[in-house]
Protein backbone atom coordinates (compact mmCIF):
# COMPACT_ATOMS: atom_id res chain seq x y z
CA ASN A 1 2.69 -45.14 -22.75
CA SER A 2 3.62 -44.06 -26.10
CA PRO A 3 6.67 -45.38 -27.56
CA PHE A 4 8.17 -41.63 -27.15
CA PHE A 5 7.74 -41.42 -23.43
CA ASP A 6 9.25 -45.20 -23.19
CA LEU A 7 12.22 -44.09 -24.90
CA ALA A 8 12.70 -40.98 -23.06
CA LEU A 9 12.77 -42.77 -19.94
CA GLN A 10 15.34 -45.21 -21.14
CA ALA A 11 17.47 -42.47 -22.50
CA ALA A 12 16.75 -40.85 -18.82
CA ALA A 13 18.17 -43.87 -17.46
CA ALA A 14 21.30 -44.10 -19.88
CA TRP A 15 22.35 -40.77 -19.36
CA ALA A 16 21.25 -39.58 -16.13
CA GLY A 17 21.82 -43.17 -14.39
CA GLN A 18 25.57 -42.50 -14.56
CA GLN A 19 25.57 -40.03 -11.89
CA HIS A 20 25.29 -40.91 -8.29
CA PHE A 21 21.85 -40.35 -6.66
CA PRO A 22 22.52 -40.99 -2.71
CA PRO A 23 19.87 -42.25 -0.62
CA ALA A 24 18.20 -40.55 2.42
CA ALA A 25 18.27 -37.09 0.14
CA LEU A 26 16.07 -34.33 -0.81
CA TYR A 27 15.93 -33.73 -4.66
CA MET A 28 14.54 -30.16 -5.56
CA VAL A 29 13.15 -30.98 -9.15
CA ALA A 30 12.28 -28.36 -11.92
CA THR A 31 9.59 -29.56 -13.98
CA PRO A 32 8.07 -27.63 -17.05
CA ILE A 33 6.50 -24.25 -16.78
CA GLY A 34 3.87 -24.97 -19.83
CA ASN A 35 5.70 -27.37 -22.24
CA LEU A 36 6.00 -30.92 -21.39
CA ALA A 37 9.04 -31.30 -23.84
CA ASP A 38 10.91 -28.98 -21.51
CA ILE A 39 11.39 -31.78 -18.98
CA SER A 40 14.99 -32.90 -18.69
CA LEU A 41 16.28 -36.40 -18.80
CA ARG A 42 17.82 -36.09 -15.33
CA ALA A 43 14.28 -34.75 -13.99
CA LEU A 44 12.67 -38.13 -15.31
CA HIS A 45 15.27 -40.40 -14.16
CA THR A 46 15.00 -38.84 -10.50
CA LEU A 47 11.30 -38.73 -10.42
CA ALA A 48 11.24 -42.55 -11.49
CA LEU A 49 13.90 -43.57 -8.83
CA VAL A 50 12.53 -41.57 -5.79
CA ASP A 51 10.46 -43.58 -3.32
CA CYS A 52 8.18 -40.54 -3.03
CA ILE A 53 7.08 -37.43 -4.49
CA ALA A 54 6.23 -34.47 -2.23
CA CYS A 55 4.29 -31.78 -4.53
CA GLU A 56 2.50 -28.38 -4.28
CA ASP A 57 -0.62 -29.93 -5.85
CA THR A 58 -0.95 -33.84 -5.85
CA ARG A 59 -3.61 -33.62 -8.71
CA HIS A 60 -1.43 -31.19 -10.95
CA THR A 61 1.45 -33.54 -10.31
CA GLY A 62 -0.35 -36.93 -10.92
CA GLN A 63 -1.30 -35.64 -14.33
CA LEU A 64 2.66 -34.87 -14.96
CA LEU A 65 3.80 -38.33 -13.70
CA HIS A 66 0.71 -39.97 -15.90
CA ALA A 67 2.08 -38.21 -18.93
CA PHE A 68 5.41 -39.79 -18.74
CA GLY A 69 4.00 -43.21 -17.08
CA LEU A 70 5.39 -42.62 -14.01
CA HIS A 71 3.65 -43.97 -10.94
CA LYS A 72 4.93 -42.56 -7.23
CA PRO A 73 3.15 -42.05 -4.01
CA LEU A 74 2.59 -38.42 -3.46
CA LEU A 75 2.74 -36.28 -0.53
CA ALA A 76 1.30 -32.88 -0.56
CA ALA A 77 3.57 -30.04 0.63
CA HIS A 78 2.59 -26.58 -0.10
CA GLU A 79 2.63 -22.99 1.78
CA HIS A 80 -0.16 -23.93 4.03
CA ASN A 81 1.10 -27.14 5.55
CA GLU A 82 5.00 -27.11 4.86
CA GLN A 83 6.14 -27.18 8.13
CA GLU A 84 3.92 -30.28 8.79
CA ALA A 85 4.78 -32.03 5.59
CA ALA A 86 8.51 -31.21 6.41
CA SER A 87 8.37 -33.42 9.38
CA ALA A 88 7.08 -36.37 7.29
CA ILE A 89 9.48 -35.88 4.79
CA ILE A 90 12.46 -36.20 7.28
CA ALA A 91 11.09 -39.16 8.82
CA LYS A 92 11.27 -40.86 5.26
CA LEU A 93 14.72 -39.27 4.80
CA GLN A 94 15.84 -40.74 8.04
CA ALA A 95 14.49 -44.18 6.98
CA GLY A 96 16.77 -43.98 3.97
CA GLN A 97 14.40 -43.00 1.45
CA ARG A 98 14.90 -40.80 -1.50
CA VAL A 99 12.41 -38.16 -1.94
CA ALA A 100 11.65 -35.86 -4.75
CA TYR A 101 9.83 -32.09 -4.38
CA VAL A 102 8.21 -30.59 -7.27
CA SER A 103 6.25 -27.35 -7.51
CA ASP A 104 3.26 -27.07 -9.81
CA ALA A 105 5.80 -25.36 -12.53
CA GLY A 106 9.48 -24.34 -12.81
CA THR A 107 11.83 -24.60 -10.10
CA PRO A 108 10.90 -24.97 -6.38
CA GLY A 109 11.27 -22.36 -3.88
CA VAL A 110 11.37 -19.59 -6.75
CA SER A 111 7.91 -17.82 -5.72
CA ASP A 112 6.83 -21.14 -5.10
CA PRO A 113 7.22 -23.55 -1.93
CA GLY A 114 10.14 -25.51 -1.29
CA ASN A 115 12.45 -23.16 0.97
CA VAL A 116 10.92 -24.06 4.39
CA LEU A 117 11.25 -27.54 3.40
CA ALA A 118 15.03 -27.35 2.38
CA ALA A 119 16.00 -25.72 5.28
CA ARG A 120 14.38 -28.01 7.70
CA VAL A 121 16.07 -31.11 5.78
CA GLN A 122 19.46 -29.24 6.08
CA ALA A 123 18.90 -28.66 9.66
CA ALA A 124 18.25 -32.18 10.25
CA GLY A 125 21.64 -32.97 8.85
CA MET A 126 20.66 -34.48 5.52
CA ARG A 127 21.23 -33.42 1.96
CA VAL A 128 19.28 -31.31 -0.59
CA LEU A 129 20.31 -31.76 -4.03
CA PRO A 130 19.00 -29.50 -6.92
CA ILE A 131 17.70 -31.00 -10.30
CA PRO A 132 17.78 -27.79 -12.27
CA GLY A 133 15.31 -27.20 -15.30
CA ALA A 134 12.58 -24.75 -16.62
CA SER A 135 12.10 -21.35 -14.99
CA SER A 136 10.05 -18.46 -16.44
CA VAL A 137 12.87 -16.11 -14.74
CA THR A 138 15.64 -17.28 -16.81
CA ALA A 139 13.55 -17.84 -19.76
CA LEU A 140 12.50 -14.23 -19.90
CA LEU A 141 16.03 -13.06 -19.26
CA SER A 142 17.35 -15.03 -22.30
CA ALA A 143 14.87 -13.69 -24.59
CA ALA A 144 14.26 -9.76 -23.46
CA GLY A 145 17.22 -8.35 -25.29
CA ALA A 146 18.13 -5.90 -22.27
CA LEU A 147 21.06 -3.67 -22.85
CA HIS A 148 23.34 -2.59 -20.18
CA MET A 149 22.18 -5.70 -18.19
CA ARG A 150 25.01 -6.23 -15.86
CA SER A 151 23.08 -7.47 -13.01
CA TRP A 152 19.53 -8.38 -12.08
CA SER A 153 17.26 -8.80 -9.09
CA PHE A 154 14.37 -11.03 -8.67
CA ILE A 155 11.66 -9.45 -7.03
CA GLY A 156 8.53 -11.72 -7.79
CA PHE A 157 5.37 -11.01 -7.06
CA LEU A 158 4.17 -7.42 -5.71
CA SER A 159 1.33 -6.75 -3.22
CA PRO A 160 -1.87 -7.57 -4.38
CA LYS A 161 -3.39 -4.38 -2.27
CA ALA A 162 -3.27 -1.37 -4.31
CA THR A 163 -1.85 1.05 -2.05
CA GLU A 164 1.15 -1.09 -1.13
CA ARG A 165 1.48 -2.30 -4.72
CA ALA A 166 1.72 1.36 -5.81
CA ALA A 167 4.48 2.33 -3.20
CA GLN A 168 6.50 -0.94 -4.10
CA VAL A 169 6.60 0.56 -7.61
CA GLN A 170 7.73 3.69 -6.53
CA ALA A 171 10.61 2.10 -4.74
CA LEU A 172 11.61 0.14 -7.98
CA ALA A 173 11.89 3.12 -9.63
CA GLY A 174 14.89 4.05 -7.73
CA ARG A 175 16.46 0.86 -8.69
CA ALA A 176 18.81 0.95 -11.53
CA GLU A 177 19.59 -2.74 -12.07
CA ALA A 178 17.37 -5.39 -14.18
CA LEU A 179 14.34 -6.28 -12.38
CA VAL A 180 12.24 -9.45 -12.58
CA LEU A 181 8.73 -9.26 -11.57
CA LEU A 182 5.97 -12.19 -11.62
CA GLU A 183 2.19 -11.61 -12.04
CA ALA A 184 -1.17 -13.52 -12.10
CA PRO A 185 -3.80 -12.88 -14.67
CA HIS A 186 -6.26 -11.27 -12.85
CA ARG A 187 -4.03 -8.91 -11.26
CA ILE A 188 -1.70 -7.86 -14.37
CA ALA A 189 -3.87 -5.28 -15.62
CA ALA A 190 -3.58 -3.18 -12.47
CA LEU A 191 0.24 -3.83 -12.05
CA LEU A 192 1.01 -2.63 -15.55
CA LYS A 193 -1.35 0.69 -14.52
CA ASP A 194 0.98 1.20 -11.66
CA LEU A 195 4.15 0.65 -14.23
CA ALA A 196 2.94 3.32 -16.13
CA ALA A 197 4.29 5.66 -13.65
CA LEU A 198 7.89 4.52 -14.61
CA GLY A 199 7.39 6.12 -18.05
CA ASP A 200 9.47 5.14 -20.93
CA ARG A 201 11.79 2.66 -18.93
CA PRO A 202 11.99 -0.48 -21.24
CA LEU A 203 9.86 -3.17 -19.89
CA THR A 204 9.62 -6.78 -21.28
CA LEU A 205 6.36 -8.95 -20.79
CA GLY A 206 6.52 -12.80 -21.20
CA ARG A 207 3.19 -14.22 -21.36
CA GLU A 208 2.63 -17.70 -21.44
CA LEU A 209 6.01 -18.49 -21.81
CA THR A 210 7.08 -22.00 -23.37
CA LYS A 211 3.22 -22.45 -24.04
CA GLN A 212 1.19 -22.56 -27.48
CA PHE A 213 0.24 -18.86 -27.05
CA GLU A 214 3.46 -17.76 -25.83
CA GLU A 215 4.15 -13.63 -26.37
CA ILE A 216 7.29 -11.85 -25.71
CA ALA A 217 6.92 -7.95 -26.17
CA THR A 218 9.18 -4.84 -25.24
CA LEU A 219 7.78 -1.38 -24.73
CA PRO A 220 7.99 1.47 -22.52
CA CYS A 221 6.30 1.17 -19.31
CA ASP A 222 3.60 3.20 -20.02
CA GLN A 223 2.45 1.62 -23.18
CA ALA A 224 2.15 -1.64 -21.30
CA ALA A 225 -1.43 -1.51 -20.06
CA ASP A 226 -2.52 -0.33 -23.76
CA TRP A 227 -0.73 -3.48 -25.22
CA LEU A 228 -2.66 -5.88 -22.74
CA ALA A 229 -5.86 -4.11 -23.44
CA ALA A 230 -5.37 -4.55 -27.37
CA LYS A 231 -6.20 -8.38 -27.10
CA LYS A 232 -8.61 -9.70 -24.97
CA GLU A 233 -6.94 -13.02 -24.32
CA ARG A 234 -3.61 -11.32 -23.14
CA SER A 235 -5.28 -10.84 -19.56
CA GLN A 236 -5.78 -14.68 -19.35
CA GLY A 237 -2.14 -15.88 -19.28
CA GLU A 238 0.54 -16.09 -16.52
CA PHE A 239 3.42 -13.28 -17.02
CA ALA A 240 6.98 -12.72 -16.12
CA LEU A 241 8.31 -9.16 -16.61
CA LEU A 242 11.44 -7.55 -16.82
CA LEU A 243 12.21 -3.98 -16.12
CA HIS A 244 15.20 -3.04 -17.94
CA PRO A 245 18.28 -1.36 -16.45
CA THR A 246 18.75 2.23 -16.34
CA PRO A 247 21.51 3.18 -18.46
CA VAL A 248 22.50 5.80 -16.02
CA ALA A 249 23.88 3.27 -13.57
CA GLU A 250 25.43 0.62 -16.15
CA ASP A 251 27.58 2.07 -18.53
CA GLY A 252 30.62 4.53 -19.32
CA GLN A 253 28.34 7.04 -21.22
CA ALA A 254 26.12 7.09 -18.04
CA ALA A 255 29.05 7.83 -15.83
CA GLU A 256 30.14 10.77 -18.20
CA GLY A 257 26.63 11.74 -18.17
CA LEU A 258 26.42 12.03 -14.28
CA ARG A 259 29.78 13.90 -14.29
CA VAL A 260 28.65 16.55 -16.86
CA LEU A 261 25.26 16.88 -15.16
CA ARG A 262 27.23 17.69 -11.95
CA LEU A 263 28.96 20.46 -13.60
CA LEU A 264 25.96 21.87 -15.19
CA LEU A 265 23.64 21.87 -12.16
CA ALA A 266 26.11 24.04 -10.29
CA GLU A 267 25.53 27.04 -12.88
CA LEU A 268 22.30 26.36 -14.58
CA PRO A 269 18.54 25.44 -14.00
CA THR A 270 17.58 21.82 -13.71
CA LYS A 271 15.91 21.47 -17.01
CA THR A 272 18.60 23.36 -18.99
CA ALA A 273 21.12 21.30 -17.07
CA VAL A 274 19.75 17.88 -18.08
CA LYS A 275 18.97 19.05 -21.84
CA LEU A 276 22.55 19.82 -22.15
CA ALA A 277 23.91 16.79 -20.36
CA ALA A 278 21.94 14.75 -22.53
CA ASP A 279 23.18 16.27 -25.89
CA ILE A 280 26.52 16.22 -24.78
CA THR A 281 27.08 12.63 -23.58
CA GLY A 282 24.10 10.89 -25.10
CA ALA A 283 22.77 9.55 -21.74
CA PRO A 284 18.73 9.33 -21.61
CA ARG A 285 17.21 12.33 -20.51
CA ASN A 286 14.41 11.10 -18.50
CA ALA A 287 17.23 8.85 -16.31
CA LEU A 288 19.41 12.51 -16.24
CA TYR A 289 16.26 14.34 -14.97
CA ASP A 290 15.67 11.65 -12.28
CA LEU A 291 19.17 12.05 -10.91
CA ALA A 292 18.95 15.79 -11.13
CA LEU A 293 16.30 15.66 -8.46
CA ALA A 294 18.06 12.91 -6.80
CA LEU A 295 21.09 15.12 -6.53
CA LYS A 296 18.71 18.28 -5.55
CA LYS A 297 17.10 16.56 -2.96
CA ALA A 298 20.67 15.26 -1.45
CA GLU A 299 21.68 18.76 -1.18
CA SER A 300 18.65 20.35 0.34
């Protein structure tokens, strides 16, 4: 091991070791999403302390442990065997062992296995303790600069089937809050093609977050496919995406825009009412137009 990693483990023990780590507990440990330096001292101490580590992929986790000079028994617990693995893990907990669970990257249970395991352990009357850390979701939210963001929803991966995915995107268009999506490199082009239907709604793309070739770009949805195609290597990375909130549902200006729009629609054609409402209040014209259509549909 390098002296750096020895010092890191010593620091982890010195700082995190002051906390109580009860036996017969499952520790949900967040691991780096690309950059090994993002491992937390408490995660290191937990992985060094537990009796066994359950993981999504034993090979991947074995490499992570090797990087920090750790050696622990590994137990595979992935989406295809999570129920069976949970039974084996519960038996270890009932014997008084500490067990950690890690996914391949990031926080377990967030578009990764772990939820079934946590539920089973809780149902068996034993503790599930979080060891927080890296997450592509919060990393992207912190850097997106999304205006009007008072709330956000995690959507995760959309359907790999084209028809279902297009329908899901259409449904997302009606949601005003910020929305977080994830996508794999081999499907990102298809997703961005579907998201073009959302027009000029801002979209932040986070590619290879925390890694050497990290890219973060904010642009209208209907320009995202061109951004991806501009460089061949862009389609080779994992993506987190943030659909920015629509101002019409998020701030006072938007509320005034809706009020004025309702008044104008009672007297004027839709396009004229939308234009005047946007000019008077400063609310985005596209969002007002979508609202006008929704109001007209509700009245019919």
